mmCIF file of all heavy atoms, coordinates in Angstrom:
data_MODEL
# 
_entry.id   MODEL 
# 
loop_
_atom_site.group_PDB 
_atom_site.id 
_atom_site.type_symbol 
_atom_site.label_atom_id 
_atom_site.label_alt_id 
_atom_site.label_comp_id 
_atom_site.label_asym_id 
_atom_site.label_entity_id 
_atom_site.label_seq_id 
_atom_site.pdbx_PDB_ins_code 
_atom_site.Cartn_x 
_atom_site.Cartn_y 
_atom_site.Cartn_z 
_atom_site.occupancy 
_atom_site.B_iso_or_equiv 
_atom_site.pdbx_formal_charge 
_atom_site.auth_seq_id 
_atom_site.auth_comp_id 
_atom_site.auth_asym_id 
_atom_site.auth_atom_id 
_atom_site.pdbx_PDB_model_num 
ATOM 1   N N   . ASN A 1 1  ? 52.978 -29.140 56.305 1.00 0.00 ? 1  ASN A N   1 
ATOM 2   C CA  . ASN A 1 1  ? 52.210 -30.365 55.855 1.00 0.00 ? 1  ASN A CA  1 
ATOM 3   C C   . ASN A 1 1  ? 51.931 -31.316 56.966 1.00 0.00 ? 1  ASN A C   1 
ATOM 4   O O   . ASN A 1 1  ? 50.956 -32.007 57.020 1.00 0.00 ? 1  ASN A O   1 
ATOM 5   C CB  . ASN A 1 1  ? 53.018 -31.044 54.723 1.00 0.00 ? 1  ASN A CB  1 
ATOM 6   C CG  . ASN A 1 1  ? 53.059 -30.253 53.503 1.00 0.00 ? 1  ASN A CG  1 
ATOM 7   O OD1 . ASN A 1 1  ? 52.238 -29.395 53.234 1.00 0.00 ? 1  ASN A OD1 1 
ATOM 8   N ND2 . ASN A 1 1  ? 54.025 -30.485 52.621 1.00 0.00 ? 1  ASN A ND2 1 
ATOM 9   N N   . PHE A 1 2  ? 52.957 -31.445 57.930 1.00 0.00 ? 2  PHE A N   1 
ATOM 10  C CA  . PHE A 1 2  ? 52.800 -32.302 59.078 1.00 0.00 ? 2  PHE A CA  1 
ATOM 11  C C   . PHE A 1 2  ? 51.632 -31.791 59.946 1.00 0.00 ? 2  PHE A C   1 
ATOM 12  O O   . PHE A 1 2  ? 50.731 -32.580 60.342 1.00 0.00 ? 2  PHE A O   1 
ATOM 13  C CB  . PHE A 1 2  ? 54.106 -32.305 59.867 1.00 0.00 ? 2  PHE A CB  1 
ATOM 14  C CG  . PHE A 1 2  ? 54.198 -33.418 60.875 1.00 0.00 ? 2  PHE A CG  1 
ATOM 15  C CD1 . PHE A 1 2  ? 53.229 -34.432 60.974 1.00 0.00 ? 2  PHE A CD1 1 
ATOM 16  C CD2 . PHE A 1 2  ? 55.217 -33.509 61.754 1.00 0.00 ? 2  PHE A CD2 1 
ATOM 17  C CE1 . PHE A 1 2  ? 53.275 -35.459 61.906 1.00 0.00 ? 2  PHE A CE1 1 
ATOM 18  C CE2 . PHE A 1 2  ? 55.323 -34.517 62.653 1.00 0.00 ? 2  PHE A CE2 1 
ATOM 19  C CZ  . PHE A 1 2  ? 54.365 -35.459 62.768 1.00 0.00 ? 2  PHE A CZ  1 
ATOM 20  N N   . TYR A 1 3  ? 51.573 -30.513 60.214 1.00 0.00 ? 3  TYR A N   1 
ATOM 21  C CA  . TYR A 1 3  ? 50.470 -29.935 60.950 1.00 0.00 ? 3  TYR A CA  1 
ATOM 22  C C   . TYR A 1 3  ? 49.141 -30.172 60.256 1.00 0.00 ? 3  TYR A C   1 
ATOM 23  O O   . TYR A 1 3  ? 48.112 -30.435 60.883 1.00 0.00 ? 3  TYR A O   1 
ATOM 24  C CB  . TYR A 1 3  ? 50.708 -28.408 61.217 1.00 0.00 ? 3  TYR A CB  1 
ATOM 25  C CG  . TYR A 1 3  ? 51.609 -28.114 62.353 1.00 0.00 ? 3  TYR A CG  1 
ATOM 26  C CD1 . TYR A 1 3  ? 52.888 -27.595 62.156 1.00 0.00 ? 3  TYR A CD1 1 
ATOM 27  C CD2 . TYR A 1 3  ? 51.187 -28.314 63.647 1.00 0.00 ? 3  TYR A CD2 1 
ATOM 28  C CE1 . TYR A 1 3  ? 53.723 -27.290 63.194 1.00 0.00 ? 3  TYR A CE1 1 
ATOM 29  C CE2 . TYR A 1 3  ? 52.033 -27.951 64.769 1.00 0.00 ? 3  TYR A CE2 1 
ATOM 30  C CZ  . TYR A 1 3  ? 53.257 -27.484 64.515 1.00 0.00 ? 3  TYR A CZ  1 
ATOM 31  O OH  . TYR A 1 3  ? 54.068 -27.176 65.586 1.00 0.00 ? 3  TYR A OH  1 
ATOM 32  N N   . ASN A 1 4  ? 49.137 -30.032 58.933 1.00 0.00 ? 4  ASN A N   1 
ATOM 33  C CA  . ASN A 1 4  ? 47.901 -30.286 58.162 1.00 0.00 ? 4  ASN A CA  1 
ATOM 34  C C   . ASN A 1 4  ? 47.385 -31.697 58.300 1.00 0.00 ? 4  ASN A C   1 
ATOM 35  O O   . ASN A 1 4  ? 46.200 -31.940 58.353 1.00 0.00 ? 4  ASN A O   1 
ATOM 36  C CB  . ASN A 1 4  ? 48.131 -29.910 56.700 1.00 0.00 ? 4  ASN A CB  1 
ATOM 37  C CG  . ASN A 1 4  ? 48.239 -28.407 56.460 1.00 0.00 ? 4  ASN A CG  1 
ATOM 38  O OD1 . ASN A 1 4  ? 47.687 -27.653 57.197 1.00 0.00 ? 4  ASN A OD1 1 
ATOM 39  N ND2 . ASN A 1 4  ? 48.898 -28.055 55.387 1.00 0.00 ? 4  ASN A ND2 1 
ATOM 40  N N   . LYS A 1 5  ? 48.341 -32.644 58.311 1.00 0.00 ? 5  LYS A N   1 
ATOM 41  C CA  . LYS A 1 5  ? 47.954 -34.032 58.499 1.00 0.00 ? 5  LYS A CA  1 
ATOM 42  C C   . LYS A 1 5  ? 47.274 -34.294 59.821 1.00 0.00 ? 5  LYS A C   1 
ATOM 43  O O   . LYS A 1 5  ? 46.296 -35.019 59.970 1.00 0.00 ? 5  LYS A O   1 
ATOM 44  C CB  . LYS A 1 5  ? 49.211 -34.950 58.367 1.00 0.00 ? 5  LYS A CB  1 
ATOM 45  C CG  . LYS A 1 5  ? 48.938 -36.425 58.409 1.00 0.00 ? 5  LYS A CG  1 
ATOM 46  C CD  . LYS A 1 5  ? 48.056 -36.888 57.205 1.00 0.00 ? 5  LYS A CD  1 
ATOM 47  C CE  . LYS A 1 5  ? 48.761 -36.725 55.880 1.00 0.00 ? 5  LYS A CE  1 
ATOM 48  N NZ  . LYS A 1 5  ? 47.967 -37.277 54.764 1.00 0.00 ? 5  LYS A NZ  1 
ATOM 49  N N   . ILE A 1 6  ? 47.827 -33.695 60.912 1.00 0.00 ? 6  ILE A N   1 
ATOM 50  C CA  . ILE A 1 6  ? 47.215 -33.776 62.273 1.00 0.00 ? 6  ILE A CA  1 
ATOM 51  C C   . ILE A 1 6  ? 45.856 -33.081 62.215 1.00 0.00 ? 6  ILE A C   1 
ATOM 52  O O   . ILE A 1 6  ? 44.854 -33.583 62.790 1.00 0.00 ? 6  ILE A O   1 
ATOM 53  C CB  . ILE A 1 6  ? 48.113 -33.066 63.273 1.00 0.00 ? 6  ILE A CB  1 
ATOM 54  C CG1 . ILE A 1 6  ? 49.521 -33.721 63.341 1.00 0.00 ? 6  ILE A CG1 1 
ATOM 55  C CG2 . ILE A 1 6  ? 47.458 -33.128 64.643 1.00 0.00 ? 6  ILE A CG2 1 
ATOM 56  C CD1 . ILE A 1 6  ? 49.492 -35.169 63.708 1.00 0.00 ? 6  ILE A CD1 1 
ATOM 57  N N   . ARG A 1 7  ? 45.738 -31.937 61.542 1.00 0.00 ? 7  ARG A N   1 
ATOM 58  C CA  . ARG A 1 7  ? 44.465 -31.218 61.495 1.00 0.00 ? 7  ARG A CA  1 
ATOM 59  C C   . ARG A 1 7  ? 43.391 -32.087 60.769 1.00 0.00 ? 7  ARG A C   1 
ATOM 60  O O   . ARG A 1 7  ? 42.261 -32.082 61.218 1.00 0.00 ? 7  ARG A O   1 
ATOM 61  C CB  . ARG A 1 7  ? 44.700 -29.855 60.728 1.00 0.00 ? 7  ARG A CB  1 
ATOM 62  C CG  . ARG A 1 7  ? 43.522 -28.911 60.915 1.00 0.00 ? 7  ARG A CG  1 
ATOM 63  C CD  . ARG A 1 7  ? 43.825 -27.528 60.241 1.00 0.00 ? 7  ARG A CD  1 
ATOM 64  N NE  . ARG A 1 7  ? 44.969 -26.908 60.937 1.00 0.00 ? 7  ARG A NE  1 
ATOM 65  C CZ  . ARG A 1 7  ? 46.168 -26.732 60.378 1.00 0.00 ? 7  ARG A CZ  1 
ATOM 66  N NH1 . ARG A 1 7  ? 46.375 -27.153 59.172 1.00 0.00 ? 7  ARG A NH1 1 
ATOM 67  N NH2 . ARG A 1 7  ? 47.117 -26.146 61.079 1.00 0.00 ? 7  ARG A NH2 1 
ATOM 68  N N   . GLU A 1 8  ? 43.787 -32.728 59.739 1.00 0.00 ? 8  GLU A N   1 
ATOM 69  C CA  . GLU A 1 8  ? 42.859 -33.636 59.002 1.00 0.00 ? 8  GLU A CA  1 
ATOM 70  C C   . GLU A 1 8  ? 42.311 -34.694 59.901 1.00 0.00 ? 8  GLU A C   1 
ATOM 71  O O   . GLU A 1 8  ? 41.138 -35.048 59.858 1.00 0.00 ? 8  GLU A O   1 
ATOM 72  C CB  . GLU A 1 8  ? 43.505 -34.201 57.731 1.00 0.00 ? 8  GLU A CB  1 
ATOM 73  C CG  . GLU A 1 8  ? 43.748 -33.175 56.640 1.00 0.00 ? 8  GLU A CG  1 
ATOM 74  C CD  . GLU A 1 8  ? 44.611 -33.745 55.556 1.00 0.00 ? 8  GLU A CD  1 
ATOM 75  O OE1 . GLU A 1 8  ? 44.907 -34.975 55.587 1.00 0.00 ? 8  GLU A OE1 1 
ATOM 76  O OE2 . GLU A 1 8  ? 45.041 -33.026 54.610 1.00 0.00 ? 8  GLU A OE2 1 
ATOM 77  N N   . CYS A 1 9  ? 43.232 -35.289 60.686 1.00 0.00 ? 9  CYS A N   1 
ATOM 78  C CA  . CYS A 1 9  ? 42.831 -36.302 61.645 1.00 0.00 ? 9  CYS A CA  1 
ATOM 79  C C   . CYS A 1 9  ? 41.815 -35.781 62.643 1.00 0.00 ? 9  CYS A C   1 
ATOM 80  O O   . CYS A 1 9  ? 40.776 -36.458 62.875 1.00 0.00 ? 9  CYS A O   1 
ATOM 81  C CB  . CYS A 1 9  ? 44.082 -36.819 62.343 1.00 0.00 ? 9  CYS A CB  1 
ATOM 82  S SG  . CYS A 1 9  ? 43.736 -37.896 63.771 1.00 0.00 ? 9  CYS A SG  1 
ATOM 83  N N   . ASN A 1 10 ? 42.084 -34.630 63.198 1.00 0.00 ? 10 ASN A N   1 
ATOM 84  C CA  . ASN A 1 10 ? 41.185 -34.088 64.207 1.00 0.00 ? 10 ASN A CA  1 
ATOM 85  C C   . ASN A 1 10 ? 39.809 -33.740 63.588 1.00 0.00 ? 10 ASN A C   1 
ATOM 86  O O   . ASN A 1 10 ? 38.771 -33.915 64.283 1.00 0.00 ? 10 ASN A O   1 
ATOM 87  C CB  . ASN A 1 10 ? 41.827 -32.843 64.810 1.00 0.00 ? 10 ASN A CB  1 
ATOM 88  C CG  . ASN A 1 10 ? 43.053 -33.193 65.609 1.00 0.00 ? 10 ASN A CG  1 
ATOM 89  O OD1 . ASN A 1 10 ? 43.288 -34.348 66.007 1.00 0.00 ? 10 ASN A OD1 1 
ATOM 90  N ND2 . ASN A 1 10 ? 43.890 -32.155 65.903 1.00 0.00 ? 10 ASN A ND2 1 
ATOM 91  N N   . LEU A 1 11 ? 39.828 -33.185 62.406 1.00 0.00 ? 11 LEU A N   1 
ATOM 92  C CA  . LEU A 1 11 ? 38.515 -32.839 61.722 1.00 0.00 ? 11 LEU A CA  1 
ATOM 93  C C   . LEU A 1 11 ? 37.736 -34.129 61.446 1.00 0.00 ? 11 LEU A C   1 
ATOM 94  O O   . LEU A 1 11 ? 36.446 -34.105 61.572 1.00 0.00 ? 11 LEU A O   1 
ATOM 95  C CB  . LEU A 1 11 ? 38.826 -32.107 60.432 1.00 0.00 ? 11 LEU A CB  1 
ATOM 96  C CG  . LEU A 1 11 ? 39.340 -30.712 60.585 1.00 0.00 ? 11 LEU A CG  1 
ATOM 97  C CD1 . LEU A 1 11 ? 39.687 -30.080 59.221 1.00 0.00 ? 11 LEU A CD1 1 
ATOM 98  C CD2 . LEU A 1 11 ? 38.273 -29.778 61.280 1.00 0.00 ? 11 LEU A CD2 1 
ATOM 99  N N   . LEU A 1 12 ? 38.395 -35.183 61.055 1.00 0.00 ? 12 LEU A N   1 
ATOM 100 C CA  . LEU A 1 12 ? 37.618 -36.436 60.788 1.00 0.00 ? 12 LEU A CA  1 
ATOM 101 C C   . LEU A 1 12 ? 37.070 -36.962 62.077 1.00 0.00 ? 12 LEU A C   1 
ATOM 102 O O   . LEU A 1 12 ? 35.899 -37.437 62.105 1.00 0.00 ? 12 LEU A O   1 
ATOM 103 C CB  . LEU A 1 12 ? 38.590 -37.478 60.167 1.00 0.00 ? 12 LEU A CB  1 
ATOM 104 C CG  . LEU A 1 12 ? 37.985 -38.803 59.806 1.00 0.00 ? 12 LEU A CG  1 
ATOM 105 C CD1 . LEU A 1 12 ? 36.872 -38.610 58.766 1.00 0.00 ? 12 LEU A CD1 1 
ATOM 106 C CD2 . LEU A 1 12 ? 39.032 -39.771 59.280 1.00 0.00 ? 12 LEU A CD2 1 
ATOM 107 N N   . LEU A 1 13 ? 37.750 -36.906 63.172 1.00 0.00 ? 13 LEU A N   1 
ATOM 108 C CA  . LEU A 1 13 ? 37.231 -37.387 64.460 1.00 0.00 ? 13 LEU A CA  1 
ATOM 109 C C   . LEU A 1 13 ? 36.032 -36.541 64.848 1.00 0.00 ? 13 LEU A C   1 
ATOM 110 O O   . LEU A 1 13 ? 35.013 -37.117 65.298 1.00 0.00 ? 13 LEU A O   1 
ATOM 111 C CB  . LEU A 1 13 ? 38.339 -37.257 65.536 1.00 0.00 ? 13 LEU A CB  1 
ATOM 112 C CG  . LEU A 1 13 ? 39.337 -38.382 65.566 1.00 0.00 ? 13 LEU A CG  1 
ATOM 113 C CD1 . LEU A 1 13 ? 40.547 -37.944 66.396 1.00 0.00 ? 13 LEU A CD1 1 
ATOM 114 C CD2 . LEU A 1 13 ? 38.737 -39.641 66.223 1.00 0.00 ? 13 LEU A CD2 1 
ATOM 115 N N   . LYS A 1 14 ? 36.132 -35.238 64.705 1.00 0.00 ? 14 LYS A N   1 
ATOM 116 C CA  . LYS A 1 14 ? 34.971 -34.343 65.050 1.00 0.00 ? 14 LYS A CA  1 
ATOM 117 C C   . LYS A 1 14 ? 33.770 -34.607 64.145 1.00 0.00 ? 14 LYS A C   1 
ATOM 118 O O   . LYS A 1 14 ? 32.644 -34.631 64.657 1.00 0.00 ? 14 LYS A O   1 
ATOM 119 C CB  . LYS A 1 14 ? 35.452 -32.905 64.865 1.00 0.00 ? 14 LYS A CB  1 
ATOM 120 C CG  . LYS A 1 14 ? 34.409 -31.899 65.308 1.00 0.00 ? 14 LYS A CG  1 
ATOM 121 C CD  . LYS A 1 14 ? 34.884 -30.461 65.185 1.00 0.00 ? 14 LYS A CD  1 
ATOM 122 C CE  . LYS A 1 14 ? 33.900 -29.450 65.697 1.00 0.00 ? 14 LYS A CE  1 
ATOM 123 N NZ  . LYS A 1 14 ? 34.437 -28.032 65.566 1.00 0.00 ? 14 LYS A NZ  1 
ATOM 124 N N   . LYS A 1 15 ? 33.979 -34.868 62.868 1.00 0.00 ? 15 LYS A N   1 
ATOM 125 C CA  . LYS A 1 15 ? 32.907 -35.141 61.968 1.00 0.00 ? 15 LYS A CA  1 
ATOM 126 C C   . LYS A 1 15 ? 32.214 -36.437 62.253 1.00 0.00 ? 15 LYS A C   1 
ATOM 127 O O   . LYS A 1 15 ? 30.929 -36.563 62.076 1.00 0.00 ? 15 LYS A O   1 
ATOM 128 C CB  . LYS A 1 15 ? 33.460 -35.180 60.532 1.00 0.00 ? 15 LYS A CB  1 
ATOM 129 C CG  . LYS A 1 15 ? 32.428 -35.432 59.473 1.00 0.00 ? 15 LYS A CG  1 
ATOM 130 C CD  . LYS A 1 15 ? 33.085 -35.425 58.083 1.00 0.00 ? 15 LYS A CD  1 
ATOM 131 C CE  . LYS A 1 15 ? 32.077 -35.732 56.989 1.00 0.00 ? 15 LYS A CE  1 
ATOM 132 N NZ  . LYS A 1 15 ? 32.696 -35.781 55.653 1.00 0.00 ? 15 LYS A NZ  1 
ATOM 133 N N   . GLN A 1 16 ? 32.939 -37.425 62.785 1.00 0.00 ? 16 GLN A N   1 
ATOM 134 C CA  . GLN A 1 16 ? 32.375 -38.794 62.997 1.00 0.00 ? 16 GLN A CA  1 
ATOM 135 C C   . GLN A 1 16 ? 32.185 -39.032 64.528 1.00 0.00 ? 16 GLN A C   1 
ATOM 136 O O   . GLN A 1 16 ? 32.188 -40.199 64.905 1.00 0.00 ? 16 GLN A O   1 
ATOM 137 C CB  . GLN A 1 16 ? 33.302 -39.836 62.407 1.00 0.00 ? 16 GLN A CB  1 
ATOM 138 C CG  . GLN A 1 16 ? 33.378 -39.653 60.912 1.00 0.00 ? 16 GLN A CG  1 
ATOM 139 C CD  . GLN A 1 16 ? 34.222 -40.787 60.224 1.00 0.00 ? 16 GLN A CD  1 
ATOM 140 O OE1 . GLN A 1 16 ? 34.407 -40.809 59.030 1.00 0.00 ? 16 GLN A OE1 1 
ATOM 141 N NE2 . GLN A 1 16 ? 34.761 -41.725 61.015 1.00 0.00 ? 16 GLN A NE2 1 
ATOM 142 N N   . ASP A 1 17 ? 31.963 -38.010 65.298 1.00 0.00 ? 17 ASP A N   1 
ATOM 143 C CA  . ASP A 1 17 ? 31.710 -38.169 66.706 1.00 0.00 ? 17 ASP A CA  1 
ATOM 144 C C   . ASP A 1 17 ? 32.812 -38.983 67.405 1.00 0.00 ? 17 ASP A C   1 
ATOM 145 O O   . ASP A 1 17 ? 32.512 -39.767 68.250 1.00 0.00 ? 17 ASP A O   1 
ATOM 146 C CB  . ASP A 1 17 ? 30.346 -38.764 66.987 1.00 0.00 ? 17 ASP A CB  1 
ATOM 147 C CG  . ASP A 1 17 ? 29.195 -37.935 66.494 1.00 0.00 ? 17 ASP A CG  1 
ATOM 148 O OD1 . ASP A 1 17 ? 29.340 -36.669 66.589 1.00 0.00 ? 17 ASP A OD1 1 
ATOM 149 O OD2 . ASP A 1 17 ? 28.202 -38.479 65.992 1.00 0.00 ? 17 ASP A OD2 1 
ATOM 150 N N   . ASN A 1 18 ? 34.040 -38.713 67.019 1.00 0.00 ? 18 ASN A N   1 
ATOM 151 C CA  . ASN A 1 18 ? 35.247 -39.294 67.631 1.00 0.00 ? 18 ASN A CA  1 
ATOM 152 C C   . ASN A 1 18 ? 35.279 -40.846 67.443 1.00 0.00 ? 18 ASN A C   1 
ATOM 153 O O   . ASN A 1 18 ? 35.891 -41.519 68.242 1.00 0.00 ? 18 ASN A O   1 
ATOM 154 C CB  . ASN A 1 18 ? 35.312 -38.937 69.141 1.00 0.00 ? 18 ASN A CB  1 
ATOM 155 C CG  . ASN A 1 18 ? 35.312 -37.479 69.380 1.00 0.00 ? 18 ASN A CG  1 
ATOM 156 O OD1 . ASN A 1 18 ? 36.061 -36.754 68.735 1.00 0.00 ? 18 ASN A OD1 1 
ATOM 157 N ND2 . ASN A 1 18 ? 34.538 -37.002 70.350 1.00 0.00 ? 18 ASN A ND2 1 
ATOM 158 N N   . ARG A 1 19 ? 34.682 -41.255 66.342 1.00 0.00 ? 19 ARG A N   1 
ATOM 159 C CA  . ARG A 1 19 ? 34.668 -42.720 66.064 1.00 0.00 ? 19 ARG A CA  1 
ATOM 160 C C   . ARG A 1 19 ? 35.388 -42.908 64.711 1.00 0.00 ? 19 ARG A C   1 
ATOM 161 O O   . ARG A 1 19 ? 35.071 -42.280 63.713 1.00 0.00 ? 19 ARG A O   1 
ATOM 162 C CB  . ARG A 1 19 ? 33.243 -43.290 66.002 1.00 0.00 ? 19 ARG A CB  1 
ATOM 163 C CG  . ARG A 1 19 ? 32.571 -43.188 67.326 1.00 0.00 ? 19 ARG A CG  1 
ATOM 164 C CD  . ARG A 1 19 ? 31.125 -43.652 67.201 1.00 0.00 ? 19 ARG A CD  1 
ATOM 165 N NE  . ARG A 1 19 ? 30.400 -43.598 68.467 1.00 0.00 ? 19 ARG A NE  1 
ATOM 166 C CZ  . ARG A 1 19 ? 29.132 -43.888 68.640 1.00 0.00 ? 19 ARG A CZ  1 
ATOM 167 N NH1 . ARG A 1 19 ? 28.431 -44.285 67.555 1.00 0.00 ? 19 ARG A NH1 1 
ATOM 168 N NH2 . ARG A 1 19 ? 28.566 -43.740 69.813 1.00 0.00 ? 19 ARG A NH2 1 
ATOM 169 N N   . LEU A 1 20 ? 36.290 -43.853 64.660 1.00 0.00 ? 20 LEU A N   1 
ATOM 170 C CA  . LEU A 1 20 ? 36.953 -44.291 63.450 1.00 0.00 ? 20 LEU A CA  1 
ATOM 171 C C   . LEU A 1 20 ? 36.994 -45.762 63.268 1.00 0.00 ? 20 LEU A C   1 
ATOM 172 O O   . LEU A 1 20 ? 37.011 -46.513 64.240 1.00 0.00 ? 20 LEU A O   1 
ATOM 173 C CB  . LEU A 1 20 ? 38.466 -43.825 63.541 1.00 0.00 ? 20 LEU A CB  1 
ATOM 174 C CG  . LEU A 1 20 ? 38.730 -42.283 63.684 1.00 0.00 ? 20 LEU A CG  1 
ATOM 175 C CD1 . LEU A 1 20 ? 40.228 -42.019 63.889 1.00 0.00 ? 20 LEU A CD1 1 
ATOM 176 C CD2 . LEU A 1 20 ? 38.232 -41.520 62.472 1.00 0.00 ? 20 LEU A CD2 1 
ATOM 177 N N   . ASN A 1 21 ? 36.942 -46.217 61.978 1.00 0.00 ? 21 ASN A N   1 
ATOM 178 C CA  . ASN A 1 21 ? 37.045 -47.641 61.777 1.00 0.00 ? 21 ASN A CA  1 
ATOM 179 C C   . ASN A 1 21 ? 38.539 -47.984 61.640 1.00 0.00 ? 21 ASN A C   1 
ATOM 180 O O   . ASN A 1 21 ? 39.421 -47.095 61.519 1.00 0.00 ? 21 ASN A O   1 
ATOM 181 C CB  . ASN A 1 21 ? 36.249 -48.083 60.489 1.00 0.00 ? 21 ASN A CB  1 
ATOM 182 C CG  . ASN A 1 21 ? 36.681 -47.400 59.259 1.00 0.00 ? 21 ASN A CG  1 
ATOM 183 O OD1 . ASN A 1 21 ? 37.839 -47.259 59.008 1.00 0.00 ? 21 ASN A OD1 1 
ATOM 184 N ND2 . ASN A 1 21 ? 35.706 -46.979 58.481 1.00 0.00 ? 21 ASN A ND2 1 
ATOM 185 N N   . LYS A 1 22 ? 38.841 -49.295 61.536 1.00 0.00 ? 22 LYS A N   1 
ATOM 186 C CA  . LYS A 1 22 ? 40.226 -49.718 61.515 1.00 0.00 ? 22 LYS A CA  1 
ATOM 187 C C   . LYS A 1 22 ? 40.948 -49.209 60.311 1.00 0.00 ? 22 LYS A C   1 
ATOM 188 O O   . LYS A 1 22 ? 42.129 -48.755 60.410 1.00 0.00 ? 22 LYS A O   1 
ATOM 189 C CB  . LYS A 1 22 ? 40.241 -51.242 61.514 1.00 0.00 ? 22 LYS A CB  1 
ATOM 190 C CG  . LYS A 1 22 ? 41.673 -51.863 61.558 1.00 0.00 ? 22 LYS A CG  1 
ATOM 191 C CD  . LYS A 1 22 ? 41.649 -53.379 61.549 1.00 0.00 ? 22 LYS A CD  1 
ATOM 192 C CE  . LYS A 1 22 ? 43.050 -53.933 61.655 1.00 0.00 ? 22 LYS A CE  1 
ATOM 193 N NZ  . LYS A 1 22 ? 43.037 -55.384 61.585 1.00 0.00 ? 22 LYS A NZ  1 
ATOM 194 N N   . GLU A 1 23 ? 40.333 -49.204 59.129 1.00 0.00 ? 23 GLU A N   1 
ATOM 195 C CA  . GLU A 1 23 ? 40.989 -48.709 57.931 1.00 0.00 ? 23 GLU A CA  1 
ATOM 196 C C   . GLU A 1 23 ? 41.359 -47.261 57.997 1.00 0.00 ? 23 GLU A C   1 
ATOM 197 O O   . GLU A 1 23 ? 42.431 -46.792 57.577 1.00 0.00 ? 23 GLU A O   1 
ATOM 198 C CB  . GLU A 1 23 ? 40.127 -48.977 56.671 1.00 0.00 ? 23 GLU A CB  1 
ATOM 199 C CG  . GLU A 1 23 ? 40.029 -50.423 56.212 1.00 0.00 ? 23 GLU A CG  1 
ATOM 200 C CD  . GLU A 1 23 ? 39.191 -51.286 57.193 1.00 0.00 ? 23 GLU A CD  1 
ATOM 201 O OE1 . GLU A 1 23 ? 38.313 -50.689 57.920 1.00 0.00 ? 23 GLU A OE1 1 
ATOM 202 O OE2 . GLU A 1 23 ? 39.347 -52.515 57.205 1.00 0.00 ? 23 GLU A OE2 1 
ATOM 203 N N   . GLN A 1 24 ? 40.440 -46.463 58.620 1.00 0.00 ? 24 GLN A N   1 
ATOM 204 C CA  . GLN A 1 24 ? 40.705 -45.012 58.777 1.00 0.00 ? 24 GLN A CA  1 
ATOM 205 C C   . GLN A 1 24 ? 41.870 -44.805 59.725 1.00 0.00 ? 24 GLN A C   1 
ATOM 206 O O   . GLN A 1 24 ? 42.761 -43.938 59.479 1.00 0.00 ? 24 GLN A O   1 
ATOM 207 C CB  . GLN A 1 24 ? 39.453 -44.294 59.291 1.00 0.00 ? 24 GLN A CB  1 
ATOM 208 C CG  . GLN A 1 24 ? 38.341 -44.239 58.312 1.00 0.00 ? 24 GLN A CG  1 
ATOM 209 C CD  . GLN A 1 24 ? 37.071 -43.653 58.858 1.00 0.00 ? 24 GLN A CD  1 
ATOM 210 O OE1 . GLN A 1 24 ? 36.730 -43.886 60.047 1.00 0.00 ? 24 GLN A OE1 1 
ATOM 211 N NE2 . GLN A 1 24 ? 36.306 -42.874 58.039 1.00 0.00 ? 24 GLN A NE2 1 
ATOM 212 N N   . VAL A 1 25 ? 41.921 -45.538 60.823 1.00 0.00 ? 25 VAL A N   1 
ATOM 213 C CA  . VAL A 1 25 ? 43.024 -45.438 61.769 1.00 0.00 ? 25 VAL A CA  1 
ATOM 214 C C   . VAL A 1 25 ? 44.373 -45.782 61.073 1.00 0.00 ? 25 VAL A C   1 
ATOM 215 O O   . VAL A 1 25 ? 45.368 -45.113 61.247 1.00 0.00 ? 25 VAL A O   1 
ATOM 216 C CB  . VAL A 1 25 ? 42.826 -46.367 63.003 1.00 0.00 ? 25 VAL A CB  1 
ATOM 217 C CG1 . VAL A 1 25 ? 44.030 -46.291 63.939 1.00 0.00 ? 25 VAL A CG1 1 
ATOM 218 C CG2 . VAL A 1 25 ? 41.529 -45.882 63.771 1.00 0.00 ? 25 VAL A CG2 1 
# 
């Protein structure tokens, strides 16, 4: 589950061209 949480973070970054808003972070 820990690895999956990291994977979700990486996929979101890739989807949004490595850009995140404050709430997402």
